[in-house]
Protein backbone atom coordinates (compact mmCIF):
# COMPACT_ATOMS: atom_id res chain seq x y z
CA MET A 1 0.00 0.00 0.00
CA SER A 2 1.24 3.48 -0.85
CA ARG A 3 1.64 6.26 1.68
CA ARG A 4 -1.24 8.12 0.09
CA PHE A 5 -3.53 5.09 0.50
CA LYS A 6 -2.56 4.73 4.18
CA ALA A 7 -3.02 8.48 4.75
CA VAL A 8 -6.56 8.31 3.32
CA ASP A 9 -7.27 5.30 5.55
CA ILE A 10 -6.14 7.18 8.63
CA LEU A 11 -8.18 10.24 7.61
CA LEU A 12 -11.33 8.11 7.16
CA ILE A 13 -10.84 6.48 10.57
CA ILE A 14 -10.44 9.91 12.18
CA LEU A 15 -13.56 11.20 10.41
CA THR A 16 -15.47 8.12 11.62
CA LEU A 17 -14.50 8.68 15.25
CA LEU A 18 -14.67 12.48 15.20
CA PRO A 19 -18.50 12.77 15.35
CA LEU A 20 -18.59 10.44 18.37
CA ALA A 21 -15.88 12.46 20.11
CA ALA A 22 -17.82 15.63 19.30
CA GLY A 23 -20.92 14.09 20.87
CA ILE A 24 -19.03 13.36 24.09
CA VAL A 25 -17.61 16.89 24.23
CA LEU A 26 -21.05 18.38 23.50
CA LYS A 27 -22.59 16.37 26.32
CA ILE A 28 -19.92 17.51 28.79
CA VAL A 29 -20.28 21.15 27.79
CA MET A 30 -24.06 21.40 27.40
CA MET A 31 -25.36 19.12 30.14
CA PRO A 32 -25.02 19.88 33.86
CA ALA A 33 -23.50 17.25 36.12
CA GLY A 34 -26.14 15.05 37.71
CA GLU A 35 -26.29 13.90 41.30
CA GLY A 36 -27.34 10.38 42.19
CA ILE A 37 -29.75 8.40 40.03
CA GLU A 38 -31.07 10.32 37.05
CA ILE A 39 -33.41 8.68 34.53
CA ALA A 40 -34.76 11.25 32.11
CA GLY A 41 -35.43 11.72 28.42
CA ALA A 42 -33.21 13.34 25.85
CA HIS A 43 -31.72 16.67 26.93
CA ILE A 44 -32.94 19.73 24.98
CA PHE A 45 -29.92 21.73 23.79
CA PHE A 46 -31.85 24.68 22.38
CA THR A 47 -35.16 25.56 20.75
CA ILE A 48 -35.81 27.13 17.34
CA GLY A 49 -38.81 29.41 17.09
CA MET A 50 -41.34 28.30 14.46
CA PRO A 51 -44.70 29.80 13.34
CA LEU A 52 -46.93 26.99 14.62
CA GLN A 53 -44.79 25.31 17.28
CA ASP A 54 -41.24 25.73 18.48
CA LEU A 55 -38.74 23.10 17.30
CA PRO A 56 -36.58 21.69 20.12
CA ILE A 57 -33.15 20.40 19.14
CA THR A 58 -32.60 17.45 21.44
CA GLU A 59 -29.81 15.09 22.35
CA SER A 60 -31.41 12.26 20.36
CA GLN A 61 -31.62 14.36 17.18
CA VAL A 62 -28.00 15.42 17.43
CA ASN A 63 -26.80 11.91 18.25
CA SER A 64 -28.78 10.49 15.32
CA TRP A 65 -26.95 12.78 12.94
CA LEU A 66 -23.62 11.92 14.56
CA VAL A 67 -24.33 8.22 13.99
CA ILE A 68 -25.31 8.87 10.37
CA ILE A 69 -22.09 10.80 9.75
CA SER A 70 -19.94 8.15 11.47
CA VAL A 71 -21.58 5.31 9.52
CA PHE A 72 -21.06 7.27 6.28
CA TRP A 73 -17.31 7.60 6.87
CA LEU A 74 -17.11 4.00 8.10
CA CYS A 75 -18.65 2.81 4.84
CA LEU A 76 -16.14 4.86 2.87
CA TYR A 77 -13.32 3.32 4.92
CA ILE A 78 -14.56 -0.25 4.37
CA THR A 79 -15.00 0.30 0.63
CA HIS A 80 -11.74 2.22 0.15
CA GLY A 81 -9.44 0.53 -2.35
CA LEU A 82 -11.88 -2.10 -3.64
CA LYS A 83 -10.52 -4.47 -6.29
CA THR A 84 -12.15 -6.83 -8.77
CA LYS A 85 -10.94 -9.69 -6.59
CA ALA A 86 -10.93 -9.28 -2.83
CA VAL A 87 -7.37 -8.96 -1.54
CA THR A 88 -7.91 -7.19 1.77
CA ARG A 89 -9.79 -8.14 4.92
CA ARG A 90 -11.99 -5.05 4.75
CA GLN A 91 -13.13 -5.96 1.22
CA HIS A 92 -14.04 -9.45 2.46
CA ILE A 93 -16.07 -7.78 5.22
CA ALA A 94 -17.78 -5.44 2.74
CA GLU A 95 -18.64 -8.30 0.39
CA TRP A 96 -19.89 -10.42 3.30
CA ILE A 97 -22.20 -7.61 4.47
CA ILE A 98 -23.59 -7.12 0.96
CA GLU A 99 -24.08 -10.84 0.32
CA LYS A 100 -25.78 -11.48 3.67
CA THR A 101 -28.08 -8.46 3.32
CA GLU A 102 -29.07 -9.33 -0.24
CA SER A 103 -29.68 -12.95 0.81
CA LEU A 104 -31.77 -11.80 3.78
CA VAL A 105 -33.89 -9.53 1.59
CA LYS A 106 -34.31 -12.19 -1.10
CA ASP A 107 -35.35 -14.87 1.39
CA ASN A 108 -37.88 -12.66 3.20
CA MET A 109 -39.14 -10.36 0.46
CA GLY A 110 -38.57 -12.13 -2.85
CA GLU A 111 -36.83 -11.15 -6.08
CA TYR A 112 -39.09 -8.17 -6.72
CA PHE A 113 -37.71 -6.38 -3.65
CA SER A 114 -34.03 -7.11 -4.30
CA GLY A 115 -33.38 -3.37 -4.52
CA PHE A 116 -34.36 -3.03 -0.85
CA ALA A 117 -31.01 -4.43 0.34
CA PRO A 118 -29.29 -1.01 0.83
CA PHE A 119 -32.33 0.34 2.70
CA ILE A 120 -32.45 -2.67 5.05
CA ALA A 121 -28.70 -2.46 5.66
CA ALA A 122 -29.08 1.25 6.47
CA VAL A 123 -31.94 0.53 8.91
CA MET A 124 -29.91 -2.09 10.77
CA ALA A 125 -26.76 0.06 10.84
CA LEU A 126 -28.55 3.18 12.08
CA SER A 127 -30.52 1.30 14.73
CA GLY A 128 -27.61 -0.87 15.89
CA PHE A 129 -25.02 1.91 16.15
CA SER A 130 -27.56 4.24 17.79
CA SER A 131 -28.15 1.68 20.56
CA LEU A 132 -24.39 1.13 20.99
CA LEU A 133 -23.88 4.82 21.86
CA THR A 134 -24.55 3.91 25.51
CA LEU A 135 -21.15 2.18 25.57
CA ILE A 136 -19.45 5.58 25.30
CA GLY A 137 -21.87 7.37 27.63
CA LEU A 138 -24.07 9.02 25.00
CA TYR A 139 -27.87 9.01 24.93
CA PRO A 140 -29.10 6.37 22.43
CA PRO A 141 -31.61 7.84 19.93
CA THR A 142 -33.43 4.48 20.00
CA SER A 143 -34.53 5.38 23.55
CA ASP A 144 -36.50 8.32 22.14
CA MET A 145 -40.00 7.53 20.93
CA ASN A 146 -39.87 10.44 18.48
CA VAL A 147 -36.92 8.96 16.61
CA VAL A 148 -38.16 5.37 16.45
CA GLY A 149 -41.67 6.62 15.68
CA GLY A 150 -40.27 8.45 12.65
CA TRP A 151 -38.67 5.24 11.39
CA ALA A 152 -41.95 3.36 11.86
CA LEU A 153 -43.84 6.12 10.02
CA LEU A 154 -41.45 5.77 7.07
CA VAL A 155 -42.10 2.01 7.00
CA PHE A 156 -45.85 2.68 7.13
CA ILE A 157 -45.55 4.96 4.08
CA LEU A 158 -43.73 2.18 2.21
CA ILE A 159 -46.40 -0.34 3.21
CA THR A 160 -49.16 1.95 1.93
CA TYR A 161 -47.25 2.67 -1.27
CA TYR A 162 -46.99 -1.02 -2.17
CA LYS A 163 -50.61 -1.65 -1.23
CA PHE A 164 -51.54 1.03 -3.76
CA LYS A 165 -49.67 -0.79 -6.55
CA CYS A 166 -52.96 -2.26 -7.78
CA GLY A 167 -54.85 1.01 -7.47
CA PRO A 168 -56.82 2.82 -4.75
CA LEU A 169 -59.93 0.69 -5.20
CA HIS A 170 -57.98 -2.49 -4.59
CA TYR A 171 -56.44 -0.88 -1.50
CA LEU A 172 -59.84 0.08 -0.06
CA LYS A 173 -61.25 -3.34 -0.93
CA SER A 174 -58.49 -5.02 1.10
CA PHE A 175 -60.05 -3.61 4.30
CA THR A 176 -63.22 -5.63 3.65
CA GLU A 177 -61.42 -8.99 3.46
CA PRO A 178 -62.07 -11.74 4.35
CA VAL A 179 -65.53 -10.45 5.36
CA VAL A 180 -67.03 -6.95 5.38
CA PHE A 181 -67.87 -6.76 9.08
CA LEU A 182 -64.16 -7.06 9.92
CA THR A 183 -63.44 -3.71 8.23
CA PRO A 184 -63.11 -1.74 11.51
CA LEU A 185 -60.61 -4.29 12.84
CA ASN A 186 -58.64 -4.14 9.59
CA VAL A 187 -58.45 -0.34 9.82
CA ILE A 188 -57.26 -0.57 13.43
CA SER A 189 -54.70 -3.20 12.42
CA GLU A 190 -53.42 -0.90 9.68
CA VAL A 191 -52.87 1.96 12.11
CA ALA A 192 -51.48 -0.33 14.80
CA THR A 193 -48.63 -1.57 12.57
CA PRO A 194 -46.31 1.47 12.89
CA VAL A 195 -47.37 2.00 16.52
CA SER A 196 -46.41 -1.55 17.52
CA MET A 197 -43.10 -1.35 15.63
CA ALA A 198 -42.17 1.91 17.35
CA PHE A 199 -43.18 0.87 20.86
CA ARG A 200 -41.50 -2.54 20.58
CA HIS A 201 -38.13 -1.04 19.61
CA TYR A 202 -38.36 1.95 21.94
CA GLY A 203 -39.60 -0.05 24.93
CA ASN A 204 -36.91 -2.72 24.76
CA ILE A 205 -34.03 -0.26 24.47
CA LEU A 206 -35.34 2.13 27.14
CA SER A 207 -36.15 -0.64 29.61
CA GLY A 208 -32.65 -2.04 29.26
CA SER A 209 -31.10 1.35 30.03
CA VAL A 210 -33.36 1.86 33.05
CA ILE A 211 -32.65 -1.61 34.48
CA SER A 212 -28.88 -1.13 34.06
CA VAL A 213 -28.95 2.21 35.88
CA LEU A 214 -31.12 0.91 38.72
CA VAL A 215 -28.98 -2.21 39.25
CA ALA A 216 -25.76 -0.19 39.22
CA ALA A 217 -27.17 2.29 41.76
CA ALA A 218 -28.47 -0.52 43.97
CA LEU A 219 -25.09 -2.26 43.94
CA GLN A 220 -23.38 0.99 44.86
CA GLY A 221 -25.66 1.46 47.86
CA LEU A 222 -25.30 -2.19 48.91
CA SER A 223 -21.53 -1.98 48.64
CA SER A 224 -21.48 1.15 50.78
CA MET A 225 -23.69 -0.53 53.40
CA LEU A 226 -21.78 -3.81 53.60
CA LEU A 227 -18.22 -2.71 52.88
CA GLY A 228 -18.29 0.96 53.86
CA ASN A 229 -16.54 0.24 57.19
CA LEU A 230 -13.36 -0.98 55.53
CA PRO A 231 -10.32 1.11 56.49
CA GLY A 232 -9.19 4.07 54.43
CA ILE A 233 -9.99 4.40 50.77
CA LEU A 234 -11.16 0.78 50.58
CA GLY A 235 -14.47 1.77 52.16
CA GLU A 236 -15.14 4.20 49.33
CA ILE A 237 -14.65 1.67 46.52
CA PRO A 238 -17.97 0.16 45.30
CA PHE A 239 -16.65 -3.40 45.06
CA LEU A 240 -20.07 -4.88 44.31
CA GLN A 241 -20.33 -2.72 41.19
CA ILE A 242 -17.36 -4.51 39.67
CA GLY A 243 -18.41 -7.08 37.08
CA LEU A 244 -22.20 -7.33 37.17
CA PRO A 245 -23.00 -3.96 35.53
CA ALA A 246 -20.57 -4.87 32.76
CA VAL A 247 -22.38 -8.18 32.20
CA LEU A 248 -25.72 -6.35 32.07
CA SER A 249 -24.22 -3.87 29.62
CA ILE A 250 -23.16 -6.73 27.33
CA TYR A 251 -26.74 -7.96 27.25
CA PHE A 252 -28.80 -4.74 27.23
CA ASP A 253 -26.45 -2.43 25.32
CA ILE A 254 -24.89 -4.86 22.85
CA PHE A 255 -26.95 -8.03 22.43
CA SER A 256 -30.40 -6.51 22.98
CA GLY A 257 -29.60 -3.37 20.96
CA LEU A 258 -28.36 -5.34 17.95
CA LEU A 259 -31.21 -7.82 18.30
CA GLN A 260 -33.80 -5.03 18.22
CA ALA A 261 -32.13 -3.58 15.11
CA PHE A 262 -32.42 -6.96 13.40
CA ILE A 263 -36.05 -7.39 14.52
CA PHE A 264 -37.01 -3.92 13.25
CA ALA A 265 -35.42 -4.71 9.88
CA MET A 266 -37.18 -8.08 9.73
CA LEU A 267 -40.56 -6.51 10.51
CA THR A 268 -39.91 -3.89 7.84
CA MET A 269 -39.25 -6.58 5.25
CA LEU A 270 -42.21 -8.73 6.25
CA TYR A 271 -44.71 -5.87 6.45
CA VAL A 272 -43.66 -4.27 3.16
CA SER A 273 -43.50 -7.52 1.18
CA GLY A 274 -46.71 -8.78 2.81
CA ALA A 275 -48.52 -5.59 1.79
CA PHE A 276 -47.68 -6.08 -1.88
CA PRO A 277 -50.48 -7.98 -3.72
CA ALA A 278 -48.16 -9.84 -6.10
CA ASP A 279 -50.79 -12.09 -7.71
CA ASP A 280 -53.22 -9.24 -8.34
CA TYR A 281 -50.36 -7.10 -9.62
CA LYS A 282 -49.40 -9.77 -12.18
CA LYS A 283 -53.01 -10.17 -13.31
CA ARG A 284 -53.37 -6.40 -13.65
CA HIS A 285 -50.29 -6.12 -15.87
CA LYS A 286 -51.25 -9.25 -17.82
CA ASN A 287 -54.50 -7.57 -18.82
CA LYS A 288 -52.73 -4.31 -19.64
CA ASN A 289 -50.19 -6.03 -21.90
CA GLY A 290 -52.58 -8.25 -23.85
CA GLY A 291 -51.87 -11.47 -21.98
CA LYS A 292 -48.10 -10.99 -21.75
CA ILE A 293 -46.86 -11.04 -18.18
CA LYS A 294 -43.90 -8.82 -17.51
CA CYS A 295 -41.26 -9.88 -15.05
CA LEU A 296 -41.91 -8.24 -11.69
CA ASN A 297 -38.28 -7.15 -11.49
CA SER A 298 -38.74 -4.97 -14.57
CA GLN A 299 -41.59 -2.94 -13.04
């Protein structure tokens, strides 16, 4: 590798880490030091005056953008210096990510939705890295209902778009199936889809953060009560906090956060592909083209 190639690599790594470092500095500067247990929502940095309602700029909004910027530079780093044949470990990683995502989309959505692979990869990356921000002391945007609700709303728009592929009348008719008197339940089910997606993701991430904080605080108090009489500085060390909070962090911050990112992506694929009336769509285009059925991938 040339010096220029290595210099670009180093620059991309710095640009990947710089937004996260900026988030830590911003939190130290903008947020007052807390005392004791503090479980609250995202901190509001400042508010922008708007005609109808003021727009608060919160910690979750800022951290979301920091994650997006970091993931952008990380992708550039992984794809830097790609060759026709993989010769570097990072290219093997990039190809593995692409192959697994495309395979996941194909298995769960079908050939027609093969172009969804970049979107699904972006959903998992944004959700996963947002949840992992707790490892460096930053507020995870996935603990904010506004952020996750926005993602669910976007999925709902995609669901509705593909339901409209056979026309508005077909879309309205779908609410009367299998029988007409179930129409109110079908309407409720339609609205409940983005709500359930948002609350599932938000609730699991937030509950994990709350449990971790409560357990760590309880262990600190228990350590002070049982071992506070030790001589000198030993009585001030929270020995019982050593180990267990780290184990909980592995589960709630890493495993659970990545699991929820995968589940959100899976639900996105299943809901969008399930909303698409493939058979009716083929019949519709068969009639339009005089009995010739076009390949779904070409639409």
